[in-house]
Full PDB file with SEQRES, HELIX, SHEET, SSBOND, CRYST1, ORIGX, SCALE, CONECT and MASTER records, all heavy atoms in Angstrom:
SEQRES   1 A   30  ASN ALA ARG GLU ASN VAL ALA PRO ALA LEU ARG GLU LEU          
SEQRES   2 A   30  GLU GLY PHE ALA GLY LEU LEU ILE LEU GLY ASP ARG SER          
SEQRES   3 A   30  SER GLY ARG SER                                              
HELIX    1 AA1 ALA A    2  VAL A    6  3                                   5    
HELIX    2 AA2 ALA A    7  ARG A   11  1                                   5    
CRYST1    1.000    1.000    1.000  90.00  90.00  90.00 P 1           1          
ORIGX1      1.000000  0.000000  0.000000        0.00000                         
ORIGX2      0.000000  1.000000  0.000000        0.00000                         
ORIGX3      0.000000  0.000000  1.000000        0.00000                         
SCALE1      1.000000  0.000000  0.000000        0.00000                         
SCALE2      0.000000  1.000000  0.000000        0.00000                         
SCALE3      0.000000  0.000000  1.000000        0.00000                         
ATOM      1  N   ASN A   1      29.971  81.514  95.059  1.00  0.00           N  
ATOM      2  CA  ASN A   1      29.924  80.884  93.739  1.00  0.00           C  
ATOM      3  C   ASN A   1      31.278  80.965  93.043  1.00  0.00           C  
ATOM      4  O   ASN A   1      31.732  79.995  92.431  1.00  0.00           O  
ATOM      5  CB  ASN A   1      28.850  81.544  92.874  1.00  0.00           C  
ATOM      6  CG  ASN A   1      28.802  80.960  91.489  1.00  0.00           C  
ATOM      7  OD1 ASN A   1      28.496  79.792  91.298  1.00  0.00           O  
ATOM      8  ND2 ASN A   1      29.120  81.786  90.503  1.00  0.00           N  
ATOM      9  N   ALA A   2      31.940  82.104  93.139  1.00  0.00           N  
ATOM     10  CA  ALA A   2      33.255  82.270  92.517  1.00  0.00           C  
ATOM     11  C   ALA A   2      34.265  81.296  93.113  1.00  0.00           C  
ATOM     12  O   ALA A   2      35.037  80.669  92.381  1.00  0.00           O  
ATOM     13  CB  ALA A   2      33.740  83.710  92.672  1.00  0.00           C  
ATOM     14  N   ARG A   3      34.250  81.160  94.439  1.00  0.00           N  
ATOM     15  CA  ARG A   3      35.177  80.232  95.121  1.00  0.00           C  
ATOM     16  C   ARG A   3      34.891  78.780  94.781  1.00  0.00           C  
ATOM     17  O   ARG A   3      35.797  77.992  94.526  1.00  0.00           O  
ATOM     18  CB  ARG A   3      35.073  80.411  96.637  1.00  0.00           C  
ATOM     19  CG  ARG A   3      36.139  81.229  97.264  1.00  0.00           C  
ATOM     20  CD  ARG A   3      36.127  81.179  98.790  1.00  0.00           C  
ATOM     21  NE  ARG A   3      34.822  81.275  99.398  1.00  0.00           N  
ATOM     22  CZ  ARG A   3      34.143  82.397  99.607  1.00  0.00           C  
ATOM     23  NH1 ARG A   3      34.665  83.540  99.243  1.00  0.00           N  
ATOM     24  NH2 ARG A   3      32.970  82.395 100.177  1.00  0.00           N  
ATOM     25  N   GLU A   4      33.609  78.416  94.790  1.00  0.00           N  
ATOM     26  CA  GLU A   4      33.226  77.007  94.662  1.00  0.00           C  
ATOM     27  C   GLU A   4      33.066  76.531  93.228  1.00  0.00           C  
ATOM     28  O   GLU A   4      33.206  75.336  92.967  1.00  0.00           O  
ATOM     29  CB  GLU A   4      31.931  76.749  95.431  1.00  0.00           C  
ATOM     30  CG  GLU A   4      32.099  76.924  96.929  1.00  0.00           C  
ATOM     31  CD  GLU A   4      30.800  76.728  97.693  1.00  0.00           C  
ATOM     32  OE1 GLU A   4      29.763  76.401  97.080  1.00  0.00           O  
ATOM     33  OE2 GLU A   4      30.832  76.918  98.937  1.00  0.00           O  
ATOM     34  N   ASN A   5      32.760  77.432  92.298  1.00  0.00           N  
ATOM     35  CA  ASN A   5      32.473  77.008  90.928  1.00  0.00           C  
ATOM     36  C   ASN A   5      33.378  77.643  89.875  1.00  0.00           C  
ATOM     37  O   ASN A   5      33.941  76.945  89.036  1.00  0.00           O  
ATOM     38  CB  ASN A   5      31.003  77.300  90.593  1.00  0.00           C  
ATOM     39  CG  ASN A   5      30.069  76.539  91.496  1.00  0.00           C  
ATOM     40  OD1 ASN A   5      30.140  75.323  91.597  1.00  0.00           O  
ATOM     41  ND2 ASN A   5      29.187  77.245  92.185  1.00  0.00           N  
ATOM     42  N   VAL A   6      33.502  78.953  89.921  1.00  0.00           N  
ATOM     43  CA  VAL A   6      34.270  79.647  88.878  1.00  0.00           C  
ATOM     44  C   VAL A   6      35.756  79.321  88.984  1.00  0.00           C  
ATOM     45  O   VAL A   6      36.388  78.929  87.995  1.00  0.00           O  
ATOM     46  CB  VAL A   6      34.021  81.171  88.923  1.00  0.00           C  
ATOM     47  CG1 VAL A   6      34.911  81.888  87.926  1.00  0.00           C  
ATOM     48  CG2 VAL A   6      32.547  81.475  88.663  1.00  0.00           C  
ATOM     49  N   ALA A   7      36.329  79.479  90.170  1.00  0.00           N  
ATOM     50  CA  ALA A   7      37.768  79.226  90.336  1.00  0.00           C  
ATOM     51  C   ALA A   7      38.155  77.802  89.941  1.00  0.00           C  
ATOM     52  O   ALA A   7      39.119  77.615  89.180  1.00  0.00           O  
ATOM     53  CB  ALA A   7      38.218  79.545  91.760  1.00  0.00           C  
ATOM     54  N   PRO A   8      37.417  76.768  90.394  1.00  0.00           N  
ATOM     55  CA  PRO A   8      37.776  75.411  89.963  1.00  0.00           C  
ATOM     56  C   PRO A   8      37.674  75.220  88.443  1.00  0.00           C  
ATOM     57  O   PRO A   8      38.512  74.542  87.848  1.00  0.00           O  
ATOM     58  CB  PRO A   8      36.780  74.516  90.698  1.00  0.00           C  
ATOM     59  CG  PRO A   8      36.391  75.305  91.906  1.00  0.00           C  
ATOM     60  CD  PRO A   8      36.384  76.735  91.438  1.00  0.00           C  
ATOM     61  N   ALA A   9      36.675  75.837  87.816  1.00  0.00           N  
ATOM     62  CA  ALA A   9      36.539  75.720  86.356  1.00  0.00           C  
ATOM     63  C   ALA A   9      37.707  76.398  85.650  1.00  0.00           C  
ATOM     64  O   ALA A   9      38.234  75.877  84.655  1.00  0.00           O  
ATOM     65  CB  ALA A   9      35.208  76.329  85.904  1.00  0.00           C  
ATOM     66  N   LEU A  10      38.125  77.541  86.159  1.00  0.00           N  
ATOM     67  CA  LEU A  10      39.266  78.231  85.560  1.00  0.00           C  
ATOM     68  C   LEU A  10      40.546  77.420  85.699  1.00  0.00           C  
ATOM     69  O   LEU A  10      41.357  77.369  84.767  1.00  0.00           O  
ATOM     70  CB  LEU A  10      39.456  79.609  86.203  1.00  0.00           C  
ATOM     71  CG  LEU A  10      38.421  80.664  85.831  1.00  0.00           C  
ATOM     72  CD1 LEU A  10      38.540  81.874  86.743  1.00  0.00           C  
ATOM     73  CD2 LEU A  10      38.562  81.055  84.368  1.00  0.00           C  
ATOM     74  N   ARG A  11      40.725  76.777  86.847  1.00  0.00           N  
ATOM     75  CA  ARG A  11      41.938  75.973  87.073  1.00  0.00           C  
ATOM     76  C   ARG A  11      42.068  74.839  86.066  1.00  0.00           C  
ATOM     77  O   ARG A  11      43.165  74.361  85.811  1.00  0.00           O  
ATOM     78  CB  ARG A  11      41.957  75.416  88.493  1.00  0.00           C  
ATOM     79  CG  ARG A  11      42.358  76.449  89.524  1.00  0.00           C  
ATOM     80  CD  ARG A  11      42.695  75.826  90.867  1.00  0.00           C  
ATOM     81  NE  ARG A  11      41.554  75.262  91.541  1.00  0.00           N  
ATOM     82  CZ  ARG A  11      40.738  75.922  92.366  1.00  0.00           C  
ATOM     83  NH1 ARG A  11      40.946  77.187  92.620  1.00  0.00           N  
ATOM     84  NH2 ARG A  11      39.728  75.307  92.942  1.00  0.00           N  
ATOM     85  N   GLU A  12      40.969  74.431  85.457  1.00  0.00           N  
ATOM     86  CA  GLU A  12      40.990  73.361  84.454  1.00  0.00           C  
ATOM     87  C   GLU A  12      41.476  73.843  83.085  1.00  0.00           C  
ATOM     88  O   GLU A  12      41.813  73.036  82.228  1.00  0.00           O  
ATOM     89  CB  GLU A  12      39.591  72.746  84.307  1.00  0.00           C  
ATOM     90  CG  GLU A  12      39.091  72.060  85.555  1.00  0.00           C  
ATOM     91  CD  GLU A  12      39.943  70.863  85.945  1.00  0.00           C  
ATOM     92  OE1 GLU A  12      40.314  70.089  85.049  1.00  0.00           O  
ATOM     93  OE2 GLU A  12      40.239  70.726  87.147  1.00  0.00           O  
ATOM     94  N   LEU A  13      41.509  75.151  82.883  1.00  0.00           N  
ATOM     95  CA  LEU A  13      41.906  75.696  81.581  1.00  0.00           C  
ATOM     96  C   LEU A  13      43.425  75.793  81.481  1.00  0.00           C  
ATOM     97  O   LEU A  13      44.093  76.253  82.403  1.00  0.00           O  
ATOM     98  CB  LEU A  13      41.273  77.069  81.371  1.00  0.00           C  
ATOM     99  CG  LEU A  13      39.743  77.094  81.376  1.00  0.00           C  
ATOM    100  CD1 LEU A  13      39.245  78.526  81.244  1.00  0.00           C  
ATOM    101  CD2 LEU A  13      39.184  76.227  80.252  1.00  0.00           C  
ATOM    102  N   GLU A  14      43.941  75.366  80.353  1.00  0.00           N  
ATOM    103  CA  GLU A  14      45.388  75.374  80.139  1.00  0.00           C  
ATOM    104  C   GLU A  14      45.938  76.792  80.191  1.00  0.00           C  
ATOM    105  O   GLU A  14      45.387  77.713  79.589  1.00  0.00           O  
ATOM    106  CB  GLU A  14      45.720  74.748  78.789  1.00  0.00           C  
ATOM    107  CG  GLU A  14      47.197  74.568  78.584  1.00  0.00           C  
ATOM    108  CD  GLU A  14      47.517  73.747  77.357  1.00  0.00           C  
ATOM    109  OE1 GLU A  14      46.667  72.956  76.922  1.00  0.00           O  
ATOM    110  OE2 GLU A  14      48.621  73.924  76.843  1.00  0.00           O  
ATOM    111  N   GLY A  15      47.009  76.961  80.943  1.00  0.00           N  
ATOM    112  CA  GLY A  15      47.683  78.239  81.024  1.00  0.00           C  
ATOM    113  C   GLY A  15      47.127  79.185  82.069  1.00  0.00           C  
ATOM    114  O   GLY A  15      47.616  80.298  82.218  1.00  0.00           O  
ATOM    115  N   PHE A  16      46.104  78.745  82.824  1.00  0.00           N  
ATOM    116  CA  PHE A  16      45.542  79.588  83.884  1.00  0.00           C  
ATOM    117  C   PHE A  16      46.591  79.789  84.963  1.00  0.00           C  
ATOM    118  O   PHE A  16      47.249  78.849  85.394  1.00  0.00           O  
ATOM    119  CB  PHE A  16      44.290  78.927  84.472  1.00  0.00           C  
ATOM    120  CG  PHE A  16      43.734  79.646  85.663  1.00  0.00           C  
ATOM    121  CD1 PHE A  16      43.085  80.859  85.502  1.00  0.00           C  
ATOM    122  CD2 PHE A  16      43.863  79.119  86.931  1.00  0.00           C  
ATOM    123  CE1 PHE A  16      42.571  81.536  86.604  1.00  0.00           C  
ATOM    124  CE2 PHE A  16      43.352  79.782  88.034  1.00  0.00           C  
ATOM    125  CZ  PHE A  16      42.698  80.985  87.875  1.00  0.00           C  
ATOM    126  N   ALA A  17      46.750  81.036  85.420  1.00  0.00           N  
ATOM    127  CA  ALA A  17      47.790  81.337  86.398  1.00  0.00           C  
ATOM    128  C   ALA A  17      47.273  82.038  87.648  1.00  0.00           C  
ATOM    129  O   ALA A  17      48.055  82.284  88.565  1.00  0.00           O  
ATOM    130  CB  ALA A  17      48.883  82.186  85.744  1.00  0.00           C  
ATOM    131  N   GLY A  18      45.983  82.366  87.714  1.00  0.00           N  
ATOM    132  CA  GLY A  18      45.475  82.972  88.934  1.00  0.00           C  
ATOM    133  C   GLY A  18      44.207  83.768  88.723  1.00  0.00           C  
ATOM    134  O   GLY A  18      43.815  84.066  87.595  1.00  0.00           O  
ATOM    135  N   LEU A  19      43.568  84.098  89.850  1.00  0.00           N  
ATOM    136  CA  LEU A  19      42.306  84.841  89.849  1.00  0.00           C  
ATOM    137  C   LEU A  19      42.271  85.789  91.037  1.00  0.00           C  
ATOM    138  O   LEU A  19      42.612  85.396  92.158  1.00  0.00           O  
ATOM    139  CB  LEU A  19      41.130  83.853  89.956  1.00  0.00           C  
ATOM    140  CG  LEU A  19      39.740  84.426  90.257  1.00  0.00           C  
ATOM    141  CD1 LEU A  19      39.231  85.249  89.080  1.00  0.00           C  
ATOM    142  CD2 LEU A  19      38.772  83.292  90.571  1.00  0.00           C  
ATOM    143  N   LEU A  20      41.855  87.015  90.779  1.00  0.00           N  
ATOM    144  CA  LEU A  20      41.549  87.990  91.827  1.00  0.00           C  
ATOM    145  C   LEU A  20      40.144  88.497  91.567  1.00  0.00           C  
ATOM    146  O   LEU A  20      39.779  88.735  90.412  1.00  0.00           O  
ATOM    147  CB  LEU A  20      42.491  89.192  91.783  1.00  0.00           C  
ATOM    148  CG  LEU A  20      43.960  88.979  92.093  1.00  0.00           C  
ATOM    149  CD1 LEU A  20      44.722  90.273  91.826  1.00  0.00           C  
ATOM    150  CD2 LEU A  20      44.134  88.539  93.532  1.00  0.00           C  
ATOM    151  N   ILE A  21      39.372  88.656  92.620  1.00  0.00           N  
ATOM    152  CA  ILE A  21      38.068  89.302  92.493  1.00  0.00           C  
ATOM    153  C   ILE A  21      38.019  90.409  93.529  1.00  0.00           C  
ATOM    154  O   ILE A  21      38.264  90.179  94.717  1.00  0.00           O  
ATOM    155  CB  ILE A  21      36.907  88.307  92.682  1.00  0.00           C  
ATOM    156  CG1 ILE A  21      36.956  87.235  91.589  1.00  0.00           C  
ATOM    157  CG2 ILE A  21      35.570  89.059  92.659  1.00  0.00           C  
ATOM    158  CD1 ILE A  21      35.875  86.203  91.670  1.00  0.00           C  
ATOM    159  N   LEU A  22      37.719  91.602  93.061  1.00  0.00           N  
ATOM    160  CA  LEU A  22      37.606  92.774  93.910  1.00  0.00           C  
ATOM    161  C   LEU A  22      36.156  93.232  93.875  1.00  0.00           C  
ATOM    162  O   LEU A  22      35.520  93.179  92.818  1.00  0.00           O  
ATOM    163  CB  LEU A  22      38.507  93.894  93.394  1.00  0.00           C  
ATOM    164  CG  LEU A  22      39.965  93.513  93.130  1.00  0.00           C  
ATOM    165  CD1 LEU A  22      40.675  94.641  92.402  1.00  0.00           C  
ATOM    166  CD2 LEU A  22      40.652  93.178  94.427  1.00  0.00           C  
ATOM    167  N   GLY A  23      35.628  93.661  95.012  1.00  0.00           N  
ATOM    168  CA  GLY A  23      34.237  94.079  95.021  1.00  0.00           C  
ATOM    169  C   GLY A  23      33.961  95.181  96.005  1.00  0.00           C  
ATOM    170  O   GLY A  23      34.663  95.326  97.004  1.00  0.00           O  
ATOM    171  N   ASP A  24      32.931  95.940  95.713  1.00  0.00           N  
ATOM    172  CA  ASP A  24      32.447  96.996  96.593  1.00  0.00           C  
ATOM    173  C   ASP A  24      30.976  96.700  96.878  1.00  0.00           C  
ATOM    174  O   ASP A  24      30.107  96.934  96.029  1.00  0.00           O  
ATOM    175  CB  ASP A  24      32.618  98.353  95.925  1.00  0.00           C  
ATOM    176  CG  ASP A  24      32.124  99.511  96.773  1.00  0.00           C  
ATOM    177  OD1 ASP A  24      31.520  99.275  97.850  1.00  0.00           O  
ATOM    178  OD2 ASP A  24      32.324 100.660  96.353  1.00  0.00           O  
ATOM    179  N   ARG A  25      30.736  96.167  98.043  1.00  0.00           N  
ATOM    180  CA  ARG A  25      29.387  95.754  98.436  1.00  0.00           C  
ATOM    181  C   ARG A  25      28.390  96.925  98.344  1.00  0.00           C  
ATOM    182  O   ARG A  25      27.252  96.743  97.920  1.00  0.00           O  
ATOM    183  CB  ARG A  25      29.443  95.211  99.859  1.00  0.00           C  
ATOM    184  CG  ARG A  25      28.183  94.611 100.361  1.00  0.00           C  
ATOM    185  CD  ARG A  25      28.320  94.197 101.827  1.00  0.00           C  
ATOM    186  NE  ARG A  25      29.479  93.372 102.084  1.00  0.00           N  
ATOM    187  CZ  ARG A  25      29.500  92.046 102.051  1.00  0.00           C  
ATOM    188  NH1 ARG A  25      28.396  91.392 101.754  1.00  0.00           N  
ATOM    189  NH2 ARG A  25      30.602  91.378 102.304  1.00  0.00           N  
ATOM    190  N   SER A  26      28.807  98.123  98.727  1.00  0.00           N  
ATOM    191  CA  SER A  26      27.871  99.256  98.776  1.00  0.00           C  
ATOM    192  C   SER A  26      27.429  99.711  97.387  1.00  0.00           C  
ATOM    193  O   SER A  26      26.287 100.120  97.204  1.00  0.00           O  
ATOM    194  CB  SER A  26      28.462 100.422  99.555  1.00  0.00           C  
ATOM    195  OG  SER A  26      29.595 100.939  98.902  1.00  0.00           O  
ATOM    196  N   SER A  27      28.314  99.639  96.407  1.00  0.00           N  
ATOM    197  CA  SER A  27      27.949 100.081  95.052  1.00  0.00           C  
ATOM    198  C   SER A  27      27.487  98.932  94.161  1.00  0.00           C  
ATOM    199  O   SER A  27      26.890  99.164  93.116  1.00  0.00           O  
ATOM    200  CB  SER A  27      29.134 100.771  94.381  1.00  0.00           C  
ATOM    201  OG  SER A  27      30.136  99.820  94.045  1.00  0.00           O  
ATOM    202  N   GLY A  28      27.788  97.697  94.568  1.00  0.00           N  
ATOM    203  CA  GLY A  28      27.444  96.540  93.742  1.00  0.00           C  
ATOM    204  C   GLY A  28      28.420  96.315  92.603  1.00  0.00           C  
ATOM    205  O   GLY A  28      28.223  95.429  91.776  1.00  0.00           O  
ATOM    206  N   ARG A  29      29.492  97.083  92.557  1.00  0.00           N  
ATOM    207  CA  ARG A  29      30.482  96.924  91.483  1.00  0.00           C  
ATOM    208  C   ARG A  29      31.515  95.881  91.893  1.00  0.00           C  
ATOM    209  O   ARG A  29      31.904  95.797  93.055  1.00  0.00           O  
ATOM    210  CB  ARG A  29      31.174  98.251  91.190  1.00  0.00           C  
ATOM    211  CG  ARG A  29      30.224  99.262  90.569  1.00  0.00           C  
ATOM    212  CD  ARG A  29      30.906 100.584  90.336  1.00  0.00           C  
ATOM    213  NE  ARG A  29      31.969 100.470  89.349  1.00  0.00           N  
ATOM    214  CZ  ARG A  29      31.850 100.816  88.073  1.00  0.00           C  
ATOM    215  NH1 ARG A  29      30.723 101.304  87.627  1.00  0.00           N  
ATOM    216  NH2 ARG A  29      32.868 100.693  87.251  1.00  0.00           N  
ATOM    217  N   SER A  30      31.954  95.099  90.908  1.00  0.00           N  
ATOM    218  CA  SER A  30      33.023  94.142  91.156  1.00  0.00           C  
ATOM    219  C   SER A  30      33.872  94.004  89.910  1.00  0.00           C  
ATOM    220  O   SER A  30      33.482  94.417  88.821  1.00  0.00           O  
ATOM    221  CB  SER A  30      32.462  92.775  91.584  1.00  0.00           C  
ATOM    222  OG  SER A  30      31.685  92.218  90.556  1.00  0.00           O  
TER     223      SER A  30                                                      
MASTER        0    0    0    2    0    0    0    6  222    1    0    3          
END                                                                             
């Protein structure tokens, strides 16, 4: 969802310069 929906929506916002998403599958934290 982040790749297909969130990132493209962010790219449409003026001044957007990048996105990183970090996650830990075992703890569910991201």
